[in-house]
Amino acid sequence: MDKWKGKEYYKKHKANDINGNPVYKIFYCDGTTEIVRTYRLSGYDKYYHSLSGLYKSK
């Protein structure tokens, strides 16, 4: 398992905002999720073409 901010996660989804900046939705092992706007993550399990699709993803 990978870690983000000290918590293990099992998958992450990605989209780009209107300016092209990456936005990730991280799914943690404890059942919580977090939306993160960062360049520090790489790779993803699924890509969405809109932020609304990313926010609704499960």
PDB file of N, CA and C in Angstrom:
ATOM      1  N   MET A   1       0.838  -1.190   0.000  1.00  0.00           N
ATOM      2  CA  MET A   1       0.000   0.000   0.000  1.00  0.00           C
ATOM      3  C   MET A   1       0.883   1.255   0.000  1.00  0.00           C
ATOM      4  N   ASP A   2       0.398   2.246  -0.699  1.00  0.00           N
ATOM      5  CA  ASP A   2       1.088   3.534  -0.723  1.00  0.00           C
ATOM      6  C   ASP A   2       0.539   4.415   0.394  1.00  0.00           C
ATOM      7  N   LYS A   3       1.286   5.462   0.716  1.00  0.00           N
ATOM      8  CA  LYS A   3       0.864   6.373   1.783  1.00  0.00           C
ATOM      9  C   LYS A   3       0.823   7.801   1.277  1.00  0.00           C
ATOM     10  N   TRP A   4      -0.128   8.560   1.793  1.00  0.00           N
ATOM     11  CA  TRP A   4      -0.228   9.997   1.556  1.00  0.00           C
ATOM     12  C   TRP A   4      -0.542  10.632   2.891  1.00  0.00           C
ATOM     13  N   LYS A   5       0.299  11.535   3.327  1.00  0.00           N
ATOM     14  CA  LYS A   5       0.154  12.209   4.618  1.00  0.00           C
ATOM     15  C   LYS A   5       0.054  11.213   5.768  1.00  0.00           C
ATOM     16  N   GLY A   6       0.795  10.123   5.670  1.00  0.00           N
ATOM     17  CA  GLY A   6       0.859   9.147   6.751  1.00  0.00           C
ATOM     18  C   GLY A   6      -0.270   8.135   6.776  1.00  0.00           C
ATOM     19  N   LYS A   7      -1.223   8.217   5.842  1.00  0.00           N
ATOM     20  CA  LYS A   7      -2.341   7.273   5.787  1.00  0.00           C
ATOM     21  C   LYS A   7      -2.216   6.407   4.546  1.00  0.00           C
ATOM     22  N   GLU A   8      -2.486   5.113   4.684  1.00  0.00           N
ATOM     23  CA  GLU A   8      -2.407   4.205   3.547  1.00  0.00           C
ATOM     24  C   GLU A   8      -3.646   4.350   2.662  1.00  0.00           C
ATOM     25  N   TYR A   9      -3.432   4.320   1.353  1.00  0.00           N
ATOM     26  CA  TYR A   9      -4.550   4.352   0.413  1.00  0.00           C
ATOM     27  C   TYR A   9      -4.417   3.195  -0.564  1.00  0.00           C
ATOM     28  N   TYR A  10      -5.553   2.803  -1.146  1.00  0.00           N
ATOM     29  CA  TYR A  10      -5.541   1.664  -2.053  1.00  0.00           C
ATOM     30  C   TYR A  10      -5.807   2.031  -3.501  1.00  0.00           C
ATOM     31  N   LYS A  11      -6.329   3.226  -3.769  1.00  0.00           N
ATOM     32  CA  LYS A  11      -6.468   3.679  -5.151  1.00  0.00           C
ATOM     33  C   LYS A  11      -6.596   5.190  -5.187  1.00  0.00           C
ATOM     34  N   LYS A  12      -6.354   5.734  -6.387  1.00  0.00           N
ATOM     35  CA  LYS A  12      -6.513   7.175  -6.589  1.00  0.00           C
ATOM     36  C   LYS A  12      -7.004   7.410  -8.007  1.00  0.00           C
ATOM     37  N   HIS A  13      -7.911   8.355  -8.132  1.00  0.00           N
ATOM     38  CA  HIS A  13      -8.456   8.751  -9.417  1.00  0.00           C
ATOM     39  C   HIS A  13      -7.979  10.162  -9.720  1.00  0.00           C
ATOM     40  N   LYS A  14      -7.898  10.485 -11.000  1.00  0.00           N
ATOM     41  CA  LYS A  14      -7.342  11.778 -11.402  1.00  0.00           C
ATOM     42  C   LYS A  14      -8.231  12.469 -12.420  1.00  0.00           C
ATOM     43  N   ALA A  15      -8.236  13.793 -12.377  1.00  0.00           N
ATOM     44  CA  ALA A  15      -8.831  14.654 -13.395  1.00  0.00           C
ATOM     45  C   ALA A  15      -7.971  15.911 -13.449  1.00  0.00           C
ATOM     46  N   ASN A  16      -8.233  16.757 -14.420  1.00  0.00           N
ATOM     47  CA  ASN A  16      -7.541  18.045 -14.505  1.00  0.00           C
ATOM     48  C   ASN A  16      -8.564  19.158 -14.379  1.00  0.00           C
ATOM     49  N   ASP A  17      -8.193  20.214 -13.662  1.00  0.00           N
ATOM     50  CA  ASP A  17      -9.106  21.350 -13.547  1.00  0.00           C
ATOM     51  C   ASP A  17      -9.058  22.175 -14.829  1.00  0.00           C
ATOM     52  N   ILE A  18      -9.777  23.274 -14.856  1.00  0.00           N
ATOM     53  CA  ILE A  18      -9.904  24.076 -16.077  1.00  0.00           C
ATOM     54  C   ILE A  18      -8.558  24.637 -16.545  1.00  0.00           C
ATOM     55  N   ASN A  19      -7.608  24.793 -15.633  1.00  0.00           N
ATOM     56  CA  ASN A  19      -6.284  25.301 -15.987  1.00  0.00           C
ATOM     57  C   ASN A  19      -5.288  24.194 -16.315  1.00  0.00           C
ATOM     58  N   GLY A  20      -5.719  22.945 -16.225  1.00  0.00           N
ATOM     59  CA  GLY A  20      -4.833  21.826 -16.531  1.00  0.00           C
ATOM     60  C   GLY A  20      -4.073  21.287 -15.341  1.00  0.00           C
ATOM     61  N   ASN A  21      -4.374  21.781 -14.151  1.00  0.00           N
ATOM     62  CA  ASN A  21      -3.694  21.295 -12.953  1.00  0.00           C
ATOM     63  C   ASN A  21      -4.302  19.956 -12.516  1.00  0.00           C
ATOM     64  N   PRO A  22      -3.464  19.023 -12.058  1.00  0.00           N
ATOM     65  CA  PRO A  22      -3.981  17.713 -11.654  1.00  0.00           C
ATOM     66  C   PRO A  22      -4.747  17.774 -10.335  1.00  0.00           C
ATOM     67  N   VAL A  23      -5.857  17.044 -10.289  1.00  0.00           N
ATOM     68  CA  VAL A  23      -6.679  16.918  -9.091  1.00  0.00           C
ATOM     69  C   VAL A  23      -6.881  15.422  -8.859  1.00  0.00           C
ATOM     70  N   TYR A  24      -6.591  14.963  -7.648  1.00  0.00           N
ATOM     71  CA  TYR A  24      -6.702  13.545  -7.319  1.00  0.00           C
ATOM     72  C   TYR A  24      -7.773  13.324  -6.264  1.00  0.00           C
ATOM     73  N   LYS A  25      -8.458  12.197  -6.354  1.00  0.00           N
ATOM     74  CA  LYS A  25      -9.331  11.735  -5.287  1.00  0.00           C
ATOM     75  C   LYS A  25      -8.679  10.482  -4.735  1.00  0.00           C
ATOM     76  N   ILE A  26      -8.290  10.536  -3.471  1.00  0.00           N
ATOM     77  CA  ILE A  26      -7.567   9.441  -2.835  1.00  0.00           C
ATOM     78  C   ILE A  26      -8.529   8.645  -1.967  1.00  0.00           C
ATOM     79  N   PHE A  27      -8.505   7.337  -2.120  1.00  0.00           N
ATOM     80  CA  PHE A  27      -9.357   6.426  -1.360  1.00  0.00           C
ATOM     81  C   PHE A  27      -8.498   5.737  -0.309  1.00  0.00           C
ATOM     82  N   TYR A  28      -8.743   6.076   0.960  1.00  0.00           N
ATOM     83  CA  TYR A  28      -7.959   5.511   2.051  1.00  0.00           C
ATOM     84  C   TYR A  28      -8.521   4.169   2.501  1.00  0.00           C
ATOM     85  N   CYS A  29      -7.669   3.364   3.109  1.00  0.00           N
ATOM     86  CA  CYS A  29      -8.050   2.031   3.578  1.00  0.00           C
ATOM     87  C   CYS A  29      -9.086   2.083   4.699  1.00  0.00           C
ATOM     88  N   ASP A  30      -9.181   3.195   5.426  1.00  0.00           N
ATOM     89  CA  ASP A  30     -10.162   3.303   6.515  1.00  0.00           C
ATOM     90  C   ASP A  30     -11.549   3.717   6.025  1.00  0.00           C
ATOM     91  N   GLY A  31     -11.725   3.835   4.691  1.00  0.00           N
ATOM     92  CA  GLY A  31     -13.026   4.143   4.121  1.00  0.00           C
ATOM     93  C   GLY A  31     -13.266   5.604   3.811  1.00  0.00           C
ATOM     94  N   THR A  32     -12.327   6.474   4.112  1.00  0.00           N
ATOM     95  CA  THR A  32     -12.485   7.899   3.828  1.00  0.00           C
ATOM     96  C   THR A  32     -11.859   8.237   2.477  1.00  0.00           C
ATOM     97  N   THR A  33     -12.231   9.396   1.946  1.00  0.00           N
ATOM     98  CA  THR A  33     -11.650   9.891   0.700  1.00  0.00           C
ATOM     99  C   THR A  33     -11.191  11.324   0.903  1.00  0.00           C
ATOM    100  N   GLU A  34     -10.342  11.784   0.001  1.00  0.00           N
ATOM    101  CA  GLU A  34      -9.843  13.152   0.080  1.00  0.00           C
ATOM    102  C   GLU A  34      -9.581  13.657  -1.337  1.00  0.00           C
ATOM    103  N   ILE A  35      -9.951  14.890  -1.604  1.00  0.00           N
ATOM    104  CA  ILE A  35      -9.644  15.552  -2.870  1.00  0.00           C
ATOM    105  C   ILE A  35      -8.368  16.367  -2.675  1.00  0.00           C
ATOM    106  N   VAL A  36      -7.381  16.145  -3.534  1.00  0.00           N
ATOM    107  CA  VAL A  36      -6.077  16.795  -3.393  1.00  0.00           C
ATOM    108  C   VAL A  36      -5.689  17.420  -4.719  1.00  0.00           C
ATOM    109  N   ARG A  37      -5.298  18.680  -4.690  1.00  0.00           N
ATOM    110  CA  ARG A  37      -4.772  19.361  -5.881  1.00  0.00           C
ATOM    111  C   ARG A  37      -3.271  19.485  -5.692  1.00  0.00           C
ATOM    112  N   THR A  38      -2.519  18.629  -6.410  1.00  0.00           N
ATOM    113  CA  THR A  38      -1.077  18.612  -6.216  1.00  0.00           C
ATOM    114  C   THR A  38      -0.367  18.036  -7.431  1.00  0.00           C
ATOM    115  N   TYR A  39       0.900  18.416  -7.589  1.00  0.00           N
ATOM    116  CA  TYR A  39       1.769  17.817  -8.592  1.00  0.00           C
ATOM    117  C   TYR A  39       2.642  16.728  -7.976  1.00  0.00           C
ATOM    118  N   ARG A  40       2.590  16.557  -6.660  1.00  0.00           N
ATOM    119  CA  ARG A  40       3.487  15.626  -5.978  1.00  0.00           C
ATOM    120  C   ARG A  40       3.097  14.162  -6.152  1.00  0.00           C
ATOM    121  N   LEU A  41       1.881  13.875  -6.578  1.00  0.00           N
ATOM    122  CA  LEU A  41       1.471  12.498  -6.842  1.00  0.00           C
ATOM    123  C   LEU A  41       1.691  12.175  -8.312  1.00  0.00           C
ATOM    124  N   SER A  42       1.915  10.907  -8.591  1.00  0.00           N
ATOM    125  CA  SER A  42       2.032  10.490  -9.990  1.00  0.00           C
ATOM    126  C   SER A  42       1.266   9.189 -10.165  1.00  0.00           C
ATOM    127  N   GLY A  43       0.848   8.941 -11.371  1.00  0.00           N
ATOM    128  CA  GLY A  43       0.077   7.740 -11.654  1.00  0.00           C
ATOM    129  C   GLY A  43      -1.338   7.851 -11.120  1.00  0.00           C
ATOM    130  N   TYR A  44      -2.209   6.983 -11.601  1.00  0.00           N
ATOM    131  CA  TYR A  44      -3.596   6.967 -11.162  1.00  0.00           C
ATOM    132  C   TYR A  44      -4.225   5.664 -11.617  1.00  0.00           C
ATOM    133  N   ASP A  45      -5.332   5.297 -10.984  1.00  0.00           N
ATOM    134  CA  ASP A  45      -6.042   4.081 -11.347  1.00  0.00           C
ATOM    135  C   ASP A  45      -7.113   4.343 -12.396  1.00  0.00           C
ATOM    136  N   LYS A  46      -7.692   5.524 -12.388  1.00  0.00           N
ATOM    137  CA  LYS A  46      -8.728   5.868 -13.354  1.00  0.00           C
ATOM    138  C   LYS A  46      -8.663   7.365 -13.622  1.00  0.00           C
ATOM    139  N   TYR A  47      -8.875   7.752 -14.887  1.00  0.00           N
ATOM    140  CA  TYR A  47      -8.847   9.161 -15.271  1.00  0.00           C
ATOM    141  C   TYR A  47     -10.254   9.615 -15.639  1.00  0.00           C
ATOM    142  N   TYR A  48     -10.629  10.798 -15.169  1.00  0.00           N
ATOM    143  CA  TYR A  48     -11.920  11.392 -15.495  1.00  0.00           C
ATOM    144  C   TYR A  48     -11.686  12.667 -16.294  1.00  0.00           C
ATOM    145  N   HIS A  49     -12.564  12.938 -17.257  1.00  0.00           N
ATOM    146  CA  HIS A  49     -12.422  14.125 -18.101  1.00  0.00           C
ATOM    147  C   HIS A  49     -13.058  15.366 -17.483  1.00  0.00           C
ATOM    148  N   SER A  50     -13.769  15.198 -16.352  1.00  0.00           N
ATOM    149  CA  SER A  50     -14.360  16.355 -15.693  1.00  0.00           C
ATOM    150  C   SER A  50     -14.209  16.217 -14.179  1.00  0.00           C
ATOM    151  N   LEU A  51     -14.189  17.350 -13.513  1.00  0.00           N
ATOM    152  CA  LEU A  51     -14.096  17.330 -12.057  1.00  0.00           C
ATOM    153  C   LEU A  51     -15.353  16.769 -11.427  1.00  0.00           C
ATOM    154  N   SER A  52     -16.505  17.023 -12.032  1.00  0.00           N
ATOM    155  CA  SER A  52     -17.754  16.505 -11.472  1.00  0.00           C
ATOM    156  C   SER A  52     -17.755  14.981 -11.510  1.00  0.00           C
ATOM    157  N   GLY A  53     -17.208  14.392 -12.551  1.00  0.00           N
ATOM    158  CA  GLY A  53     -17.084  12.935 -12.601  1.00  0.00           C
ATOM    159  C   GLY A  53     -16.134  12.424 -11.531  1.00  0.00           C
ATOM    160  N   LEU A  54     -15.055  13.148 -11.285  1.00  0.00           N
ATOM    161  CA  LEU A  54     -14.115  12.764 -10.246  1.00  0.00           C
ATOM    162  C   LEU A  54     -14.766  12.833  -8.864  1.00  0.00           C
ATOM    163  N   TYR A  55     -15.497  13.904  -8.592  1.00  0.00           N
ATOM    164  CA  TYR A  55     -16.131  14.075  -7.284  1.00  0.00           C
ATOM    165  C   TYR A  55     -17.153  12.979  -7.016  1.00  0.00           C
ATOM    166  N   LYS A  56     -17.841  12.487  -8.064  1.00  0.00           N
ATOM    167  CA  LYS A  56     -18.864  11.459  -7.903  1.00  0.00           C
ATOM    168  C   LYS A  56     -18.299  10.038  -7.897  1.00  0.00           C
ATOM    169  N   SER A  57     -17.026   9.890  -8.224  1.00  0.00           N
ATOM    170  CA  SER A  57     -16.441   8.551  -8.371  1.00  0.00           C
ATOM    171  C   SER A  57     -16.444   7.790  -7.055  1.00  0.00           C
ATOM    172  N   LYS A  58     -16.539   6.464  -7.212  1.00  0.00           N
ATOM    173  CA  LYS A  58     -16.539   5.576  -6.038  1.00  0.00           C
ATOM    174  C   LYS A  58     -15.457   4.541  -6.193  1.00  0.00           C
TER     175      LYS A  58
END
